[in-house]
């Protein structure tokens, strides 16, 4: 699935907030210190815990 820039921003922001509040990272290497960098790498690797649900408009 291709994410829009808005979906990507929402997922990265939410995951970075979770990591900054103490959620464990799903990556093996913990060398990165910034939560946003960790969230970006998780999303790029496809191992992030968040997903996108799209609903079709009821008025189509």
N, C-alpha and C. Protein backbone atom coordinates (compact mmCIF):
# COMPACT_ATOMS: atom_id res chain seq x y z
N UNK A 1 0.84 -1.17 0.00
CA UNK A 1 0.00 0.00 0.00
C UNK A 1 0.90 1.25 0.00
N UNK A 2 0.56 2.17 -0.85
CA UNK A 2 1.28 3.43 -0.91
C UNK A 2 0.60 4.42 0.02
N UNK A 3 1.38 5.01 0.91
CA UNK A 3 0.85 5.97 1.87
C UNK A 3 0.88 7.38 1.29
N UNK A 4 -0.14 8.16 1.62
CA UNK A 4 -0.11 9.57 1.26
C UNK A 4 0.83 10.28 2.22
N UNK A 5 1.18 11.50 1.90
CA UNK A 5 2.09 12.24 2.79
C UNK A 5 1.43 12.53 4.13
N UNK A 6 0.10 12.63 4.15
CA UNK A 6 -0.61 12.88 5.39
C UNK A 6 -0.65 11.64 6.28
N UNK A 7 -0.85 10.48 5.67
CA UNK A 7 -0.83 9.22 6.42
C UNK A 7 0.57 8.96 6.97
N UNK A 8 1.57 9.22 6.15
CA UNK A 8 2.95 9.02 6.59
C UNK A 8 3.30 9.93 7.76
N UNK A 9 2.91 11.20 7.67
CA UNK A 9 3.19 12.14 8.76
C UNK A 9 2.47 11.73 10.04
N UNK A 10 1.24 11.28 9.92
CA UNK A 10 0.47 10.87 11.10
C UNK A 10 1.09 9.65 11.77
N UNK A 11 1.48 8.67 10.96
CA UNK A 11 2.08 7.44 11.50
C UNK A 11 3.43 7.75 12.15
N UNK A 12 4.26 8.53 11.49
CA UNK A 12 5.58 8.86 12.05
C UNK A 12 5.45 9.66 13.33
N UNK A 13 4.53 10.62 13.36
CA UNK A 13 4.34 11.42 14.56
C UNK A 13 3.83 10.61 15.73
N UNK A 14 2.86 9.74 15.46
CA UNK A 14 2.30 8.91 16.53
C UNK A 14 3.33 7.93 17.07
N UNK A 15 4.09 7.30 16.17
CA UNK A 15 5.09 6.32 16.61
C UNK A 15 6.25 7.00 17.34
N UNK A 16 6.68 8.17 16.86
CA UNK A 16 7.75 8.90 17.55
C UNK A 16 7.31 9.29 18.96
N UNK A 17 6.06 9.68 19.11
CA UNK A 17 5.54 10.01 20.44
C UNK A 17 5.55 8.78 21.34
N UNK A 18 5.12 7.64 20.82
CA UNK A 18 5.14 6.41 21.61
C UNK A 18 6.55 6.06 22.06
N UNK A 19 7.50 6.16 21.14
CA UNK A 19 8.89 5.83 21.47
C UNK A 19 9.45 6.79 22.51
N UNK A 20 9.13 8.08 22.37
CA UNK A 20 9.64 9.06 23.33
C UNK A 20 9.05 8.87 24.72
N UNK A 21 7.86 8.26 24.79
CA UNK A 21 7.23 8.00 26.09
C UNK A 21 7.61 6.64 26.67
N UNK A 22 8.54 5.93 25.99
CA UNK A 22 9.07 4.71 26.57
C UNK A 22 8.67 3.42 25.90
N UNK A 23 7.95 3.46 24.79
CA UNK A 23 7.58 2.23 24.09
C UNK A 23 8.85 1.60 23.50
N UNK A 24 8.93 0.29 23.51
CA UNK A 24 10.13 -0.35 22.96
C UNK A 24 10.19 -0.23 21.44
N UNK A 25 11.39 -0.11 20.92
CA UNK A 25 11.58 -0.06 19.49
C UNK A 25 11.54 -1.47 18.92
N UNK A 26 11.06 -1.60 17.70
CA UNK A 26 10.98 -2.91 17.07
C UNK A 26 12.19 -3.21 16.20
N UNK A 27 13.18 -2.34 16.24
CA UNK A 27 14.41 -2.55 15.49
C UNK A 27 15.46 -3.18 16.39
N UNK A 28 16.36 -3.91 15.79
CA UNK A 28 17.39 -4.59 16.58
C UNK A 28 18.47 -3.64 17.07
N UNK A 29 18.84 -2.67 16.25
CA UNK A 29 19.91 -1.76 16.64
C UNK A 29 19.33 -0.53 17.35
N UNK A 30 19.85 -0.22 18.50
CA UNK A 30 19.40 0.92 19.29
C UNK A 30 20.41 2.06 19.26
N UNK A 31 21.21 2.16 18.21
CA UNK A 31 22.25 3.17 18.13
C UNK A 31 21.68 4.57 17.87
N UNK A 32 20.45 4.64 17.40
CA UNK A 32 19.83 5.92 17.08
C UNK A 32 19.18 6.48 18.34
N UNK A 33 19.38 7.76 18.59
CA UNK A 33 18.88 8.36 19.82
C UNK A 33 17.55 9.09 19.63
N UNK A 34 17.28 9.60 18.44
CA UNK A 34 16.09 10.41 18.21
C UNK A 34 14.87 9.53 17.92
N UNK A 35 13.75 9.75 18.62
CA UNK A 35 12.54 8.95 18.39
C UNK A 35 12.02 9.03 16.97
N UNK A 36 12.11 10.20 16.34
CA UNK A 36 11.63 10.34 14.97
C UNK A 36 12.47 9.52 14.00
N UNK A 37 13.78 9.47 14.21
CA UNK A 37 14.65 8.66 13.35
C UNK A 37 14.32 7.17 13.50
N UNK A 38 14.04 6.74 14.71
CA UNK A 38 13.67 5.35 14.95
C UNK A 38 12.34 5.05 14.25
N UNK A 39 11.38 5.96 14.34
CA UNK A 39 10.08 5.76 13.70
C UNK A 39 10.23 5.70 12.18
N UNK A 40 11.08 6.54 11.62
CA UNK A 40 11.30 6.53 10.17
C UNK A 40 11.90 5.21 9.73
N UNK A 41 12.88 4.73 10.48
CA UNK A 41 13.50 3.44 10.12
C UNK A 41 12.53 2.28 10.29
N UNK A 42 11.68 2.32 11.30
CA UNK A 42 10.67 1.27 11.46
C UNK A 42 9.70 1.26 10.29
N UNK A 43 9.25 2.43 9.88
CA UNK A 43 8.31 2.52 8.76
C UNK A 43 8.97 2.04 7.47
N UNK A 44 10.22 2.42 7.25
CA UNK A 44 10.93 2.01 6.04
C UNK A 44 11.16 0.51 5.99
N UNK A 45 11.38 -0.09 7.14
CA UNK A 45 11.62 -1.53 7.18
C UNK A 45 10.33 -2.34 7.15
N UNK A 46 9.20 -1.67 7.35
CA UNK A 46 7.92 -2.39 7.35
C UNK A 46 7.60 -3.10 8.64
N UNK A 47 8.33 -2.84 9.70
CA UNK A 47 8.14 -3.51 10.97
C UNK A 47 7.40 -2.67 11.99
N UNK A 48 6.86 -1.55 11.58
CA UNK A 48 6.16 -0.69 12.52
C UNK A 48 4.83 -1.29 12.97
N UNK A 49 4.39 -1.00 14.18
CA UNK A 49 3.17 -1.59 14.71
C UNK A 49 1.89 -0.89 14.26
N UNK A 50 2.00 0.24 13.61
CA UNK A 50 0.82 1.00 13.21
C UNK A 50 0.46 0.70 11.76
N UNK A 51 -0.83 0.75 11.45
CA UNK A 51 -1.28 0.52 10.08
C UNK A 51 -2.36 1.53 9.73
N UNK A 52 -2.71 1.58 8.45
CA UNK A 52 -3.70 2.53 7.94
C UNK A 52 -4.92 1.76 7.46
N UNK A 53 -6.10 2.20 7.90
CA UNK A 53 -7.36 1.64 7.41
C UNK A 53 -8.06 2.72 6.61
N UNK A 54 -8.36 2.39 5.39
CA UNK A 54 -9.06 3.35 4.53
C UNK A 54 -10.49 2.86 4.34
N UNK A 55 -11.41 3.79 4.44
CA UNK A 55 -12.81 3.48 4.24
C UNK A 55 -13.30 4.20 3.00
N UNK A 56 -14.09 3.52 2.25
CA UNK A 56 -14.63 4.12 1.04
C UNK A 56 -15.75 5.08 1.44
N UNK A 57 -15.85 6.17 0.73
CA UNK A 57 -16.88 7.17 1.00
C UNK A 57 -18.26 6.57 0.76
N UNK A 58 -19.19 6.76 1.68
CA UNK A 58 -20.53 6.19 1.58
C UNK A 58 -21.38 6.88 0.54
N UNK A 59 -20.96 8.05 0.07
CA UNK A 59 -21.78 8.81 -0.86
C UNK A 59 -21.36 8.66 -2.32
N UNK A 60 -20.46 7.75 -2.61
CA UNK A 60 -20.04 7.54 -4.01
C UNK A 60 -21.10 6.84 -4.81
